[in-house]
């Protein structure tokens, strides 16, 4: 299950990526973050008037440790956001196709996040924001994730993959 190299310019909402991120706290070491991207480069105007860009997403893993241990719950979370699709079956790389009516000019609309953060995923789903300027200094990869075997077979059938 090797990662596949990507570039920051080709990341779109629904991609599951990993990157090494140096926290703002200088005493902490950089950790590998695996994120379901909601907004790849979200602009925000700060109180100072400065404009910064951020990567917004749902954190799935940190340092290759899954935050949601149960594979079925992981599937339900991804499936609640959109249709999960196989990108590379051999390497277990998937993406989430977020419906077009839930995508705006800068990525997923706020209602996608609200949909995830209520109900059974309230305590499991971790919404995170990363400073784009810091994140883009390191490489980005499409990250393989584990999903239930029966759901993978269902996706294969829907996509016509043998």
Foldseek 3Di string as FASTA:
>chain_A
DDWAFDALVPDAQFFWKWFWFDDPPNVDHTKIWTWRWFFSWCWDQDPVRDIFTKTKTWTQDINPHGLDPDQAVVVVLLVQQACKADPDPVQQFITGDGDPVQADPGGGHVVSVVSQCDDPNVVRTDMDMGGNVRRNVTTMTRDHDDHDPVVVVVNCVVVVHD
